[in-house]
């Protein structure tokens, strides 16, 4: 749309189905490059991507020409198909239903990028469930604890 100017930064967080640690170091960078391509092909700007074996964080400069659920459906659906086609996991790979989406101002970009790129350090101190609940609480997002991530036993 002509004369439309935006500055929107969104961090997406989503997990492997059942939070199983399936994302392996040997192919995670290739997965992140694939997801970067999806983001860019949808005309958004990838700022940072990283994660752990059971979840990932994707931080983008978001262009409002596309609905967030449509973008996430493309990222999660296409990357699941890519993982399954590559045959890098036993059985079928799926992302869990749902995601977190958190917006930031321009002045927070460096802090968010640092946080995402240092996921391994953060998760030495807290679980993904603790991290996710902290994000929901920080952004004052109401949630039903029955639908939050369940610990794997």
Protein backbone atom coordinates (compact mmCIF):
# COMPACT_ATOMS: atom_id res chain seq x y z
CA UNK A 1 0.00 0.00 0.00
CA UNK A 2 1.41 3.37 -0.97
CA UNK A 3 2.37 5.76 1.82
CA UNK A 4 2.18 3.07 4.51
CA UNK A 5 5.14 3.05 6.87
CA UNK A 6 5.63 0.66 9.75
CA UNK A 7 8.26 -0.36 12.25
CA UNK A 8 7.21 -3.65 13.82
CA UNK A 9 9.52 -6.14 15.51
CA UNK A 10 8.12 -9.48 16.62
CA UNK A 11 9.68 -12.45 18.36
CA UNK A 12 7.99 -15.77 17.67
CA UNK A 13 8.53 -18.74 19.96
CA UNK A 14 7.29 -22.23 19.17
CA UNK A 15 8.10 -25.77 20.22
CA UNK A 16 8.56 -29.20 18.76
CA UNK A 17 5.41 -31.29 19.26
CA UNK A 18 5.37 -32.65 22.82
CA UNK A 19 8.58 -30.67 23.41
CA UNK A 20 10.66 -33.63 22.33
CA UNK A 21 14.30 -32.63 21.77
CA UNK A 22 14.48 -33.45 18.06
CA UNK A 23 16.38 -30.47 16.63
CA UNK A 24 19.96 -31.70 16.42
CA UNK A 25 23.08 -29.51 16.21
CA UNK A 26 24.22 -31.28 13.04
CA UNK A 27 21.26 -29.91 11.02
CA UNK A 28 19.83 -27.02 13.05
CA UNK A 29 21.78 -24.33 11.14
CA UNK A 30 20.39 -25.70 7.88
CA UNK A 31 16.88 -25.56 9.39
CA UNK A 32 17.45 -21.97 10.49
CA UNK A 33 18.60 -21.04 6.97
CA UNK A 34 15.48 -22.67 5.55
CA UNK A 35 13.24 -20.72 7.94
CA UNK A 36 15.17 -17.54 7.10
CA UNK A 37 14.30 -18.14 3.45
CA UNK A 38 10.62 -18.52 4.30
CA UNK A 39 10.64 -15.24 6.26
CA UNK A 40 12.43 -13.40 3.45
CA UNK A 41 10.25 -14.91 0.72
CA UNK A 42 7.29 -13.45 2.59
CA UNK A 43 9.01 -10.00 2.46
CA UNK A 44 9.83 -9.80 6.17
CA UNK A 45 13.33 -9.23 7.58
CA UNK A 46 14.88 -11.96 9.71
CA UNK A 47 16.83 -10.34 12.54
CA UNK A 48 17.75 -13.37 14.67
CA UNK A 49 16.97 -17.07 14.90
CA UNK A 50 18.15 -19.66 17.39
CA UNK A 51 16.81 -22.24 19.72
CA UNK A 52 17.25 -25.41 21.64
CA UNK A 53 16.54 -29.01 20.64
CA UNK A 54 12.88 -28.60 21.67
CA UNK A 55 11.98 -25.04 20.59
CA UNK A 56 13.06 -22.04 18.55
CA UNK A 57 12.92 -18.24 18.63
CA UNK A 58 12.49 -16.25 15.40
CA UNK A 59 12.85 -12.45 15.61
CA UNK A 60 11.75 -10.48 12.56
CA UNK A 61 11.08 -7.04 11.20
CA UNK A 62 7.43 -7.65 10.38
CA UNK A 63 5.61 -6.20 7.37
CA UNK A 64 1.83 -6.03 7.96
CA UNK A 65 0.90 -7.18 4.44
CA UNK A 66 0.57 -10.73 5.81
CA UNK A 67 -1.38 -11.97 8.81
CA UNK A 68 0.76 -13.40 11.60
CA UNK A 69 -1.11 -16.74 11.66
CA UNK A 70 -0.53 -17.12 7.91
CA UNK A 71 3.19 -16.43 8.30
CA UNK A 72 3.52 -18.91 11.17
CA UNK A 73 1.54 -21.53 9.27
CA UNK A 74 3.98 -21.12 6.37
CA UNK A 75 7.07 -21.26 8.62
CA UNK A 76 5.91 -24.23 10.67
CA UNK A 77 4.23 -26.16 7.86
CA UNK A 78 7.00 -25.71 5.30
CA UNK A 79 9.81 -26.41 7.78
CA UNK A 80 8.04 -29.56 9.06
CA UNK A 81 7.77 -30.82 5.47
CA UNK A 82 11.44 -29.95 4.89
CA UNK A 83 12.56 -31.82 8.04
CA UNK A 84 10.46 -34.86 7.13
CA UNK A 85 11.71 -34.86 3.53
CA UNK A 86 15.33 -34.67 4.74
CA UNK A 87 14.69 -37.69 6.97
CA UNK A 88 16.76 -36.28 9.84
CA UNK A 89 14.42 -37.56 12.58
CA UNK A 90 12.95 -40.98 13.20
CA UNK A 91 9.23 -40.94 12.64
CA UNK A 92 7.28 -37.85 11.69
CA UNK A 93 8.34 -34.35 12.79
CA UNK A 94 5.71 -31.78 13.78
CA UNK A 95 5.74 -28.45 15.53
CA UNK A 96 3.35 -28.12 18.45
CA UNK A 97 0.11 -26.29 17.81
CA UNK A 98 0.23 -22.59 18.65
CA UNK A 99 3.04 -20.12 19.26
CA UNK A 100 4.00 -17.05 21.22
CA UNK A 101 4.32 -13.68 19.47
CA UNK A 102 5.89 -10.78 21.34
CA UNK A 103 6.39 -7.26 19.99
CA UNK A 104 9.32 -4.96 20.74
CA UNK A 105 10.36 -1.39 20.07
CA UNK A 106 13.39 -0.49 17.96
CA UNK A 107 15.37 0.34 21.11
CA UNK A 108 15.05 -3.30 22.29
CA UNK A 109 16.46 -4.96 19.17
CA UNK A 110 20.01 -5.50 20.47
CA UNK A 111 18.77 -6.92 23.77
CA UNK A 112 16.36 -9.34 22.07
CA UNK A 113 18.99 -10.46 19.56
CA UNK A 114 21.46 -11.08 22.39
CA UNK A 115 18.84 -13.06 24.29
CA UNK A 116 18.00 -15.22 21.28
CA UNK A 117 21.61 -15.85 20.28
CA UNK A 118 22.45 -16.93 23.85
CA UNK A 119 19.68 -19.49 24.30
CA UNK A 120 22.10 -22.19 25.43
CA UNK A 121 23.22 -20.01 28.36
CA UNK A 122 19.66 -19.12 29.38
CA UNK A 123 18.58 -22.74 29.43
CA UNK A 124 21.35 -23.74 31.81
CA UNK A 125 19.33 -21.79 34.40
CA UNK A 126 15.70 -22.32 33.39
CA UNK A 127 13.52 -24.68 31.43
CA UNK A 128 11.66 -23.77 28.26
CA UNK A 129 8.39 -23.85 30.22
CA UNK A 130 9.80 -21.34 32.74
CA UNK A 131 11.11 -19.13 29.93
CA UNK A 132 7.78 -19.21 28.11
CA UNK A 133 5.77 -18.40 31.25
CA UNK A 134 8.12 -15.49 31.99
CA UNK A 135 7.49 -14.07 28.50
CA UNK A 136 3.73 -14.41 28.92
CA UNK A 137 3.89 -12.76 32.34
CA UNK A 138 6.25 -9.98 31.20
CA UNK A 139 3.90 -9.08 28.35
CA UNK A 140 0.86 -9.41 30.66
CA UNK A 141 -0.75 -12.03 28.44
CA UNK A 142 -3.61 -13.89 30.07
CA UNK A 143 -3.29 -17.64 29.66
CA UNK A 144 -4.90 -20.79 30.92
CA UNK A 145 -2.33 -22.95 32.67
CA UNK A 146 -4.12 -26.08 31.43
CA UNK A 147 -2.97 -25.24 27.91
CA UNK A 148 0.60 -24.30 28.69
CA UNK A 149 3.47 -26.60 27.97
CA UNK A 150 3.47 -29.76 30.02
CA UNK A 151 6.73 -31.13 31.36
CA UNK A 152 7.88 -34.31 29.64
CA UNK A 153 8.16 -37.21 32.04
